[in-house]
C-alpha atoms as a PDB file:
ATOM      1  CA  MET A   1      41.474 157.866 126.367  1.00  0.00           C
ATOM      2  CA  VAL A   2      39.556 157.070 123.191  1.00  0.00           C
ATOM      3  CA  ILE A   3      40.606 154.652 120.455  1.00  0.00           C
ATOM      4  CA  ARG A   4      41.901 157.413 118.177  1.00  0.00           C
ATOM      5  CA  GLN A   5      44.218 158.701 120.888  1.00  0.00           C
ATOM      6  CA  LEU A   6      45.381 155.242 121.885  1.00  0.00           C
ATOM      7  CA  LEU A   7      46.365 154.390 118.314  1.00  0.00           C
ATOM      8  CA  ALA A   8      48.149 157.736 117.936  1.00  0.00           C
ATOM      9  CA  SER A   9      50.159 157.051 121.086  1.00  0.00           C
ATOM     10  CA  ALA A  10      51.508 153.712 119.852  1.00  0.00           C
ATOM     11  CA  GLU A  11      55.146 153.993 118.823  1.00  0.00           C
ATOM     12  CA  ILE A  12      54.880 151.283 116.164  1.00  0.00           C
ATOM     13  CA  ASP A  13      53.654 151.066 112.585  1.00  0.00           C
ATOM     14  CA  ARG A  14      50.047 152.280 112.366  1.00  0.00           C
ATOM     15  CA  LEU A  15      48.799 149.118 110.643  1.00  0.00           C
ATOM     16  CA  ASP A  16      50.477 146.952 113.262  1.00  0.00           C
ATOM     17  CA  ALA A  17      48.876 149.059 115.992  1.00  0.00           C
ATOM     18  CA  GLU A  18      45.436 148.649 114.446  1.00  0.00           C
ATOM     19  CA  VAL A  19      45.886 144.881 114.159  1.00  0.00           C
ATOM     20  CA  LEU A  20      46.967 144.609 117.790  1.00  0.00           C
ATOM     21  CA  LEU A  21      44.177 146.827 119.088  1.00  0.00           C
ATOM     22  CA  SER A  22      41.533 144.965 117.099  1.00  0.00           C
ATOM     23  CA  HIS A  23      42.933 141.753 118.597  1.00  0.00           C
ATOM     24  CA  VAL A  24      42.681 143.084 122.134  1.00  0.00           C
ATOM     25  CA  LEU A  25      39.194 144.484 121.555  1.00  0.00           C
ATOM     26  CA  GLY A  26      38.023 141.356 119.740  1.00  0.00           C
ATOM     27  CA  VAL A  27      36.647 143.298 116.774  1.00  0.00           C
ATOM     28  CA  PRO A  28      37.624 143.285 113.068  1.00  0.00           C
ATOM     29  CA  ARG A  29      40.241 145.904 112.214  1.00  0.00           C
ATOM     30  CA  GLU A  30      37.907 147.398 109.610  1.00  0.00           C
ATOM     31  CA  LYS A  31      35.493 148.387 112.384  1.00  0.00           C
ATOM     32  CA  LEU A  32      38.012 150.476 114.307  1.00  0.00           C
ATOM     33  CA  LEU A  33      37.334 153.444 112.016  1.00  0.00           C
ATOM     34  CA  PHE A  34      33.766 153.561 113.324  1.00  0.00           C
ATOM     35  CA  LEU A  35      34.902 153.309 116.947  1.00  0.00           C
ATOM     36  CA  TYR A  36      37.533 156.061 117.009  1.00  0.00           C
ATOM     37  CA  SER A  37      35.629 158.160 119.546  1.00  0.00           C
ATOM     38  CA  GLU A  38      34.882 155.237 121.871  1.00  0.00           C
ATOM     39  CA  PRO A  39      36.623 155.255 125.275  1.00  0.00           C
ATOM     40  CA  VAL A  40      39.031 152.403 125.993  1.00  0.00           C
ATOM     41  CA  PRO A  41      38.915 150.638 129.392  1.00  0.00           C
ATOM     42  CA  ASP A  42      42.128 150.737 131.416  1.00  0.00           C
ATOM     43  CA  ALA A  43      42.593 146.963 131.167  1.00  0.00           C
ATOM     44  CA  VAL A  44      42.405 147.118 127.374  1.00  0.00           C
ATOM     45  CA  GLN A  45      44.858 149.995 127.276  1.00  0.00           C
ATOM     46  CA  ALA A  46      47.315 148.066 129.422  1.00  0.00           C
ATOM     47  CA  ALA A  47      47.033 144.937 127.289  1.00  0.00           C
ATOM     48  CA  PHE A  48      47.504 146.982 124.118  1.00  0.00           C
ATOM     49  CA  VAL A  49      50.605 148.703 125.504  1.00  0.00           C
ATOM     50  CA  ARG A  50      52.117 145.325 126.444  1.00  0.00           C
ATOM     51  CA  LEU A  51      51.631 144.003 122.926  1.00  0.00           C
ATOM     52  CA  CYS A  52      53.073 147.182 121.395  1.00  0.00           C
ATOM     53  CA  GLU A  53      56.166 146.874 123.584  1.00  0.00           C
ATOM     54  CA  LYS A  54      56.618 143.323 122.374  1.00  0.00           C
ATOM     55  CA  ARG A  55      56.275 144.440 118.773  1.00  0.00           C
ATOM     56  CA  LYS A  56      58.953 147.102 119.342  1.00  0.00           C
ATOM     57  CA  THR A  57      61.450 144.318 120.017  1.00  0.00           C
ATOM     58  CA  GLY A  58      60.866 143.063 116.478  1.00  0.00           C
ATOM     59  CA  CYS A  59      58.724 140.105 117.492  1.00  0.00           C
ATOM     60  CA  PRO A  60      56.563 139.206 114.462  1.00  0.00           C
ATOM     61  CA  LEU A  61      52.879 140.039 114.656  1.00  0.00           C
ATOM     62  CA  SER A  62      52.001 136.406 114.013  1.00  0.00           C
ATOM     63  CA  TYR A  63      53.849 135.270 117.133  1.00  0.00           C
ATOM     64  CA  ILE A  64      52.235 138.005 119.211  1.00  0.00           C
ATOM     65  CA  LEU A  65      48.778 137.062 117.947  1.00  0.00           C
ATOM     66  CA  GLY A  66      49.548 133.346 118.060  1.00  0.00           C
ATOM     67  CA  GLU A  67      48.271 132.579 114.577  1.00  0.00           C
ATOM     68  CA  LYS A  68      48.694 133.219 110.868  1.00  0.00           C
ATOM     69  CA  GLU A  69      46.365 132.712 107.909  1.00  0.00           C
ATOM     70  CA  PHE A  70      47.575 130.312 105.217  1.00  0.00           C
ATOM     71  CA  TYR A  71      45.612 129.089 102.209  1.00  0.00           C
ATOM     72  CA  SER A  72      42.539 130.828 103.702  1.00  0.00           C
ATOM     73  CA  LEU A  73      42.882 128.833 106.938  1.00  0.00           C
ATOM     74  CA  PRO A  74      44.017 130.083 110.365  1.00  0.00           C
ATOM     75  CA  PHE A  75      47.005 128.264 111.852  1.00  0.00           C
ATOM     76  CA  PHE A  76      48.416 128.400 115.354  1.00  0.00           C
ATOM     77  CA  VAL A  77      52.095 129.434 115.363  1.00  0.00           C
ATOM     78  CA  ASN A  78      54.735 130.117 117.989  1.00  0.00           C
ATOM     79  CA  GLU A  79      58.491 130.505 118.279  1.00  0.00           C
ATOM     80  CA  HIS A  80      58.973 126.792 117.524  1.00  0.00           C
ATOM     81  CA  THR A  81      57.443 127.038 114.037  1.00  0.00           C
ATOM     82  CA  LEU A  82      58.112 129.048 110.922  1.00  0.00           C
ATOM     83  CA  ILE A  83      55.421 131.574 110.133  1.00  0.00           C
ATOM     84  CA  PRO A  84      53.506 130.310 107.053  1.00  0.00           C
ATOM     85  CA  ARG A  85      54.054 132.465 103.990  1.00  0.00           C
ATOM     86  CA  PRO A  86      52.045 133.013 100.804  1.00  0.00           C
ATOM     87  CA  ASP A  87      54.984 131.705  98.742  1.00  0.00           C
ATOM     88  CA  THR A  88      54.364 128.222 100.127  1.00  0.00           C
ATOM     89  CA  GLU A  89      50.772 128.206  98.894  1.00  0.00           C
ATOM     90  CA  LEU A  90      52.102 127.422  95.411  1.00  0.00           C
ATOM     91  CA  LEU A  91      53.246 124.011  96.661  1.00  0.00           C
ATOM     92  CA  VAL A  92      49.826 123.365  98.196  1.00  0.00           C
ATOM     93  CA  GLU A  93      48.088 124.393  94.972  1.00  0.00           C
ATOM     94  CA  TRP A  94      50.176 121.935  92.964  1.00  0.00           C
ATOM     95  CA  ALA A  95      49.768 119.145  95.520  1.00  0.00           C
ATOM     96  CA  ILE A  96      45.989 119.195  95.890  1.00  0.00           C
ATOM     97  CA  GLU A  97      45.274 117.286  92.686  1.00  0.00           C
ATOM     98  CA  LYS A  98      48.132 114.840  93.273  1.00  0.00           C
ATOM     99  CA  ALA A  99      46.832 114.172  96.797  1.00  0.00           C
ATOM    100  CA  LYS A 100      43.477 112.649  95.876  1.00  0.00           C
ATOM    101  CA  GLY A 101      43.414 109.192  97.456  1.00  0.00           C
ATOM    102  CA  ALA A 102      47.112 109.498  98.325  1.00  0.00           C
ATOM    103  CA  ARG A 103      49.145 108.730 101.400  1.00  0.00           C
ATOM    104  CA  VAL A 104      50.664 112.167 102.019  1.00  0.00           C
ATOM    105  CA  LEU A 105      53.768 113.053 104.018  1.00  0.00           C
ATOM    106  CA  ASP A 106      54.531 116.638 105.039  1.00  0.00           C
ATOM    107  CA  LEU A 107      58.239 116.496 105.903  1.00  0.00           C
ATOM    108  CA  CYS A 108      59.827 119.247 108.037  1.00  0.00           C
ATOM    109  CA  SER A 109      56.196 120.078 108.740  1.00  0.00           C
ATOM    110  CA  GLY A 110      56.517 122.854 111.340  1.00  0.00           C
ATOM    111  CA  SER A 111      53.017 124.155 112.010  1.00  0.00           C
ATOM    112  CA  GLY A 112      51.626 121.509 109.656  1.00  0.00           C
ATOM    113  CA  CYS A 113      50.217 124.147 107.337  1.00  0.00           C
ATOM    114  CA  ILE A 114      51.199 122.417 104.077  1.00  0.00           C
ATOM    115  CA  GLY A 115      49.846 118.969 104.849  1.00  0.00           C
ATOM    116  CA  ILE A 116      46.752 120.204 106.643  1.00  0.00           C
ATOM    117  CA  ALA A 117      45.869 122.673 103.883  1.00  0.00           C
ATOM    118  CA  VAL A 118      46.219 119.884 101.312  1.00  0.00           C
ATOM    119  CA  ALA A 119      44.096 117.491 103.388  1.00  0.00           C
ATOM    120  CA  LYS A 120      41.393 120.154 103.815  1.00  0.00           C
ATOM    121  CA  ASN A 121      41.151 120.546 100.050  1.00  0.00           C
ATOM    122  CA  ALA A 122      41.648 116.986  98.779  1.00  0.00           C
ATOM    123  CA  PRO A 123      40.316 113.561  99.821  1.00  0.00           C
ATOM    124  CA  VAL A 124      43.658 112.137 100.966  1.00  0.00           C
ATOM    125  CA  ARG A 125      43.975 108.522 102.031  1.00  0.00           C
ATOM    126  CA  SER A 126      46.178 109.469 104.990  1.00  0.00           C
ATOM    127  CA  LEU A 127      48.322 112.336 106.240  1.00  0.00           C
ATOM    128  CA  THR A 128      51.595 112.158 108.156  1.00  0.00           C
ATOM    129  CA  LEU A 129      53.335 115.196 109.615  1.00  0.00           C
ATOM    130  CA  ALA A 130      57.022 114.753 110.438  1.00  0.00           C
ATOM    131  CA  ASP A 131      59.438 117.179 112.080  1.00  0.00           C
ATOM    132  CA  ILE A 132      62.616 117.123 114.159  1.00  0.00           C
ATOM    133  CA  SER A 133      61.031 119.443 116.729  1.00  0.00           C
ATOM    134  CA  LYS A 134      58.753 117.950 119.369  1.00  0.00           C
ATOM    135  CA  GLU A 135      57.459 121.441 120.129  1.00  0.00           C
ATOM    136  CA  ALA A 136      56.587 122.087 116.478  1.00  0.00           C
ATOM    137  CA  LEU A 137      54.715 118.783 116.322  1.00  0.00           C
ATOM    138  CA  GLU A 138      52.635 119.867 119.316  1.00  0.00           C
ATOM    139  CA  VAL A 139      51.631 122.962 117.358  1.00  0.00           C
ATOM    140  CA  SER A 140      50.778 120.864 114.307  1.00  0.00           C
ATOM    141  CA  LYS A 141      48.620 118.596 116.482  1.00  0.00           C
ATOM    142  CA  ARG A 142      46.647 121.635 117.612  1.00  0.00           C
ATOM    143  CA  ASN A 143      46.244 122.782 114.019  1.00  0.00           C
ATOM    144  CA  ALA A 144      45.096 119.378 112.805  1.00  0.00           C
ATOM    145  CA  ALA A 145      42.509 119.231 115.595  1.00  0.00           C
ATOM    146  CA  ARG A 146      41.432 122.790 114.853  1.00  0.00           C
ATOM    147  CA  HIS A 147      40.650 121.893 111.256  1.00  0.00           C
ATOM    148  CA  GLY A 148      39.282 118.422 111.874  1.00  0.00           C
ATOM    149  CA  VAL A 149      42.112 116.698 109.991  1.00  0.00           C
ATOM    150  CA  GLU A 150      43.238 113.234 111.042  1.00  0.00           C
ATOM    151  CA  ALA A 151      46.995 112.766 110.913  1.00  0.00           C
ATOM    152  CA  GLU A 152      49.923 110.777 112.255  1.00  0.00           C
ATOM    153  CA  PHE A 153      52.737 112.743 113.871  1.00  0.00           C
ATOM    154  CA  ILE A 154      56.356 111.573 113.720  1.00  0.00           C
ATOM    155  CA  GLU A 155      59.366 113.115 115.449  1.00  0.00           C
ATOM    156  CA  THR A 156      62.312 112.439 113.151  1.00  0.00           C
ATOM    157  CA  ASP A 157      65.600 113.893 111.939  1.00  0.00           C
ATOM    158  CA  ILE A 158      65.522 113.385 108.186  1.00  0.00           C
ATOM    159  CA  LEU A 159      69.306 113.897 107.969  1.00  0.00           C
ATOM    160  CA  LYS A 160      69.803 110.811 110.148  1.00  0.00           C
ATOM    161  CA  ASP A 161      66.628 108.721 110.063  1.00  0.00           C
ATOM    162  CA  ASP A 162      65.069 106.755 107.238  1.00  0.00           C
ATOM    163  CA  LEU A 163      61.409 107.168 106.392  1.00  0.00           C
ATOM    164  CA  SER A 164      59.622 104.273 108.061  1.00  0.00           C
ATOM    165  CA  ALA A 165      56.522 104.097 105.869  1.00  0.00           C
ATOM    166  CA  SER A 166      55.435 104.261 102.234  1.00  0.00           C
ATOM    167  CA  PHE A 167      53.800 107.357 100.778  1.00  0.00           C
ATOM    168  CA  ASP A 168      52.343 108.379  97.433  1.00  0.00           C
ATOM    169  CA  LEU A 169      53.086 112.096  97.776  1.00  0.00           C
ATOM    170  CA  ILE A 170      55.873 113.691  99.812  1.00  0.00           C
ATOM    171  CA  LEU A 171      55.900 117.444 100.350  1.00  0.00           C
ATOM    172  CA  SER A 172      58.535 119.484 102.138  1.00  0.00           C
ATOM    173  CA  ASN A 173      59.589 123.021 102.878  1.00  0.00           C
ATOM    174  CA  PRO A 174      63.032 122.231 104.300  1.00  0.00           C
ATOM    175  CA  PRO A 175      65.592 124.728 105.586  1.00  0.00           C
ATOM    176  CA  TYR A 176      67.183 126.261 102.491  1.00  0.00           C
ATOM    177  CA  ILE A 177      68.846 129.546 103.462  1.00  0.00           C
ATOM    178  CA  GLU A 178      72.629 129.668 103.252  1.00  0.00           C
ATOM    179  CA  THR A 179      74.264 129.810 106.681  1.00  0.00           C
ATOM    180  CA  ASP A 180      76.142 133.032 105.908  1.00  0.00           C
ATOM    181  CA  VAL A 181      72.938 134.701 104.726  1.00  0.00           C
ATOM    182  CA  ILE A 182      71.046 134.137 107.986  1.00  0.00           C
ATOM    183  CA  GLN A 183      72.533 137.224 109.620  1.00  0.00           C
ATOM    184  CA  THR A 184      71.421 139.428 106.727  1.00  0.00           C
ATOM    185  CA  LEU A 185      67.744 138.541 107.101  1.00  0.00           C
ATOM    186  CA  GLU A 186      65.186 140.930 108.541  1.00  0.00           C
ATOM    187  CA  LYS A 187      65.336 141.165 112.325  1.00  0.00           C
ATOM    188  CA  ASP A 188      61.881 139.644 112.814  1.00  0.00           C
ATOM    189  CA  VAL A 189      63.027 136.531 110.919  1.00  0.00           C
ATOM    190  CA  ARG A 190      66.658 136.337 112.053  1.00  0.00           C
ATOM    191  CA  ASP A 191      66.041 136.876 115.756  1.00  0.00           C
ATOM    192  CA  PHE A 192      62.673 135.188 116.251  1.00  0.00           C
ATOM    193  CA  GLU A 193      61.970 132.366 113.813  1.00  0.00           C
ATOM    194  CA  PRO A 194      63.603 128.978 114.594  1.00  0.00           C
ATOM    195  CA  LEU A 195      67.119 128.766 113.165  1.00  0.00           C
ATOM    196  CA  SER A 196      66.800 125.020 112.630  1.00  0.00           C
ATOM    197  CA  ALA A 197      63.964 125.683 110.167  1.00  0.00           C
ATOM    198  CA  LEU A 198      65.967 128.278 108.226  1.00  0.00           C
ATOM    199  CA  ASP A 199      69.594 127.134 107.979  1.00  0.00           C
ATOM    200  CA  GLY A 200      70.201 124.921 104.943  1.00  0.00           C
ATOM    201  CA  GLY A 201      73.982 124.757 105.337  1.00  0.00           C
ATOM    202  CA  ASN A 202      76.800 126.510 103.549  1.00  0.00           C
ATOM    203  CA  ASP A 203      75.132 126.425 100.130  1.00  0.00           C
ATOM    204  CA  GLY A 204      71.534 126.224 101.359  1.00  0.00           C
ATOM    205  CA  LEU A 205      71.117 122.847  99.642  1.00  0.00           C
ATOM    206  CA  GLY A 206      72.077 120.525 102.488  1.00  0.00           C
ATOM    207  CA  PHE A 207      68.666 118.913 102.939  1.00  0.00           C
ATOM    208  CA  TYR A 208      67.761 118.311  99.303  1.00  0.00           C
ATOM    209  CA  PRO A 209      70.056 115.355  98.428  1.00  0.00           C
ATOM    210  CA  VAL A 210      68.992 113.512 101.585  1.00  0.00           C
ATOM    211  CA  ILE A 211      65.288 114.163 101.027  1.00  0.00           C
ATOM    212  CA  ALA A 212      65.522 113.194  97.352  1.00  0.00           C
ATOM    213  CA  GLU A 213      67.167 109.829  98.085  1.00  0.00           C
ATOM    214  CA  LYS A 214      64.978 108.912 101.066  1.00  0.00           C
ATOM    215  CA  ALA A 215      61.778 110.135  99.433  1.00  0.00           C
ATOM    216  CA  PHE A 216      62.604 108.101  96.338  1.00  0.00           C
ATOM    217  CA  ARG A 217      62.820 104.925  98.405  1.00  0.00           C
ATOM    218  CA  ALA A 218      59.575 105.679 100.265  1.00  0.00           C
ATOM    219  CA  LEU A 219      57.556 106.354  97.105  1.00  0.00           C
ATOM    220  CA  PRO A 220      56.010 103.799  94.737  1.00  0.00           C
ATOM    221  CA  GLU A 221      56.552 104.027  91.004  1.00  0.00           C
ATOM    222  CA  GLY A 222      54.703 107.126  89.865  1.00  0.00           C
ATOM    223  CA  GLY A 223      54.790 108.736  93.322  1.00  0.00           C
ATOM    224  CA  TRP A 224      55.462 112.458  93.531  1.00  0.00           C
ATOM    225  CA  LEU A 225      57.862 114.674  95.465  1.00  0.00           C
ATOM    226  CA  GLY A 226      57.233 118.411  95.848  1.00  0.00           C
ATOM    227  CA  LEU A 227      59.815 120.717  97.423  1.00  0.00           C
ATOM    228  CA  GLU A 228      59.825 124.396  98.237  1.00  0.00           C
ATOM    229  CA  ILE A 229      63.100 126.085  97.272  1.00  0.00           C
ATOM    230  CA  GLY A 230      64.881 129.395  97.385  1.00  0.00           C
ATOM    231  CA  TYR A 231      64.284 131.729  94.440  1.00  0.00           C
ATOM    232  CA  ASN A 232      67.749 130.974  92.988  1.00  0.00           C
ATOM    233  CA  GLN A 233      67.848 127.212  93.628  1.00  0.00           C
ATOM    234  CA  GLY A 234      65.678 125.862  90.823  1.00  0.00           C
ATOM    235  CA  ALA A 235      68.458 124.508  88.607  1.00  0.00           C
ATOM    236  CA  ALA A 236      70.485 123.109  91.505  1.00  0.00           C
ATOM    237  CA  VAL A 237      67.568 121.265  93.123  1.00  0.00           C
ATOM    238  CA  SER A 238      66.381 119.971  89.747  1.00  0.00           C
ATOM    239  CA  ALA A 239      69.849 118.492  89.222  1.00  0.00           C
ATOM    240  CA  ILE A 240      69.722 116.889  92.679  1.00  0.00           C
ATOM    241  CA  LEU A 241      66.408 115.215  91.834  1.00  0.00           C
ATOM    242  CA  ALA A 242      67.493 114.093  88.356  1.00  0.00           C
ATOM    243  CA  PRO A 243      69.066 110.738  89.365  1.00  0.00           C
ATOM    244  CA  TYR A 244      65.838 109.682  91.064  1.00  0.00           C
ATOM    245  CA  PHE A 245      62.906 111.418  89.397  1.00  0.00           C
ATOM    246  CA  GLU A 246      61.419 112.219  86.009  1.00  0.00           C
ATOM    247  CA  ASN A 247      58.947 114.902  84.887  1.00  0.00           C
ATOM    248  CA  ILE A 248      60.940 117.363  86.961  1.00  0.00           C
ATOM    249  CA  ARG A 249      59.516 120.867  86.831  1.00  0.00           C
ATOM    250  CA  ILE A 250      60.245 124.190  88.467  1.00  0.00           C
ATOM    251  CA  LEU A 251      57.119 126.032  89.617  1.00  0.00           C
ATOM    252  CA  TYR A 252      57.215 129.826  89.449  1.00  0.00           C
ATOM    253  CA  ASP A 253      55.178 132.380  91.350  1.00  0.00           C
ATOM    254  CA  LEU A 254      53.337 135.305  89.771  1.00  0.00           C
ATOM    255  CA  GLY A 255      56.480 137.400  90.061  1.00  0.00           C
ATOM    256  CA  GLY A 256      58.448 134.917  87.987  1.00  0.00           C
ATOM    257  CA  ASN A 257      60.468 133.608  90.924  1.00  0.00           C
ATOM    258  CA  ALA A 258      61.235 129.898  91.270  1.00  0.00           C
ATOM    259  CA  ARG A 259      59.391 128.575  94.344  1.00  0.00           C
ATOM    260  CA  CYS A 260      59.129 124.790  94.016  1.00  0.00           C
ATOM    261  CA  VAL A 261      60.679 121.821  92.290  1.00  0.00           C
ATOM    262  CA  VAL A 262      58.507 118.741  91.717  1.00  0.00           C
ATOM    263  CA  GLY A 263      59.238 115.322  90.256  1.00  0.00           C
ATOM    264  CA  ARG A 264      57.781 111.865  89.716  1.00  0.00           C
ATOM    265  CA  LYS A 265      59.504 108.626  90.669  1.00  0.00           C
ATOM    266  CA  SER A 266      60.674 106.477  87.789  1.00  0.00           C
ATOM    267  CA  VAL A 267      61.119 102.723  88.291  1.00  0.00           C
ATOM    268  CA  ILE A 268      63.745 102.760  85.545  1.00  0.00           C
ATOM    269  CA  LYS A 269      65.909 105.126  87.596  1.00  0.00           C
ATOM    270  CA  PHE A 270      65.441 102.941  90.647  1.00  0.00           C
ATOM    271  CA  ASP A 271      67.492 100.231  88.956  1.00  0.00           C
ATOM    272  CA  LYS A 272      70.331 102.711  88.566  1.00  0.00           C
ATOM    273  CA  VAL A 273      70.476 103.959  92.154  1.00  0.00           C
ATOM    274  CA  LYS A 274      69.392 101.053  94.351  1.00  0.00           C
END
């Protein structure tokens, strides 16, 4: 069987099939067009069929391949981590300038993509990656090593534990999907990505008040907090930050959707909430 026939026999989306076959062959997908008449060894055919069968179950391509590109960097991912998404790059873009010389915390870090991408593009003073999942932290350790980024790794439950160090910049993409909405998500998200990284409680806002209060106490005057949010949560999260932070802004993506809320700690407000 030649490559053209093998691709035609795959009972999955054509683009997905090309990505999987290029992965098995170890060649860029763009080169497959020039290899259509090349015969495929039996071992390659078998490996390709196995990956296609996995894709048929709805398993995301990124989990099958074991990595996903984010902010022009490749990151290891598995079933213990959310798959990095382009939407989150807006938070990284905002954070890079704020991170110069800063002690940076990536909270609910998952694969570590936010903190590591920031540290690769800004001369941070230090980077800490914190997550409730020991397995996710193992993935983030691999990603930090892959990109030559030094970091501290902390296993913590932000809903129960206080932050044990001081930081200048705290970034987080916490769970923010409403519990009742989880079952309406696409199958590849609902059935494969970690529920603990998706479910933000009944209103989707469960993590934000806790993060706002604990981040406020871990930041110096003038320190910054940057949070990813759901597209319809800008006003609500801004209101949650208001007792603790000033210069609160909603960041919008190119489609006009709210993606992040950011704010700066005010010492004046500290006197009101301490």
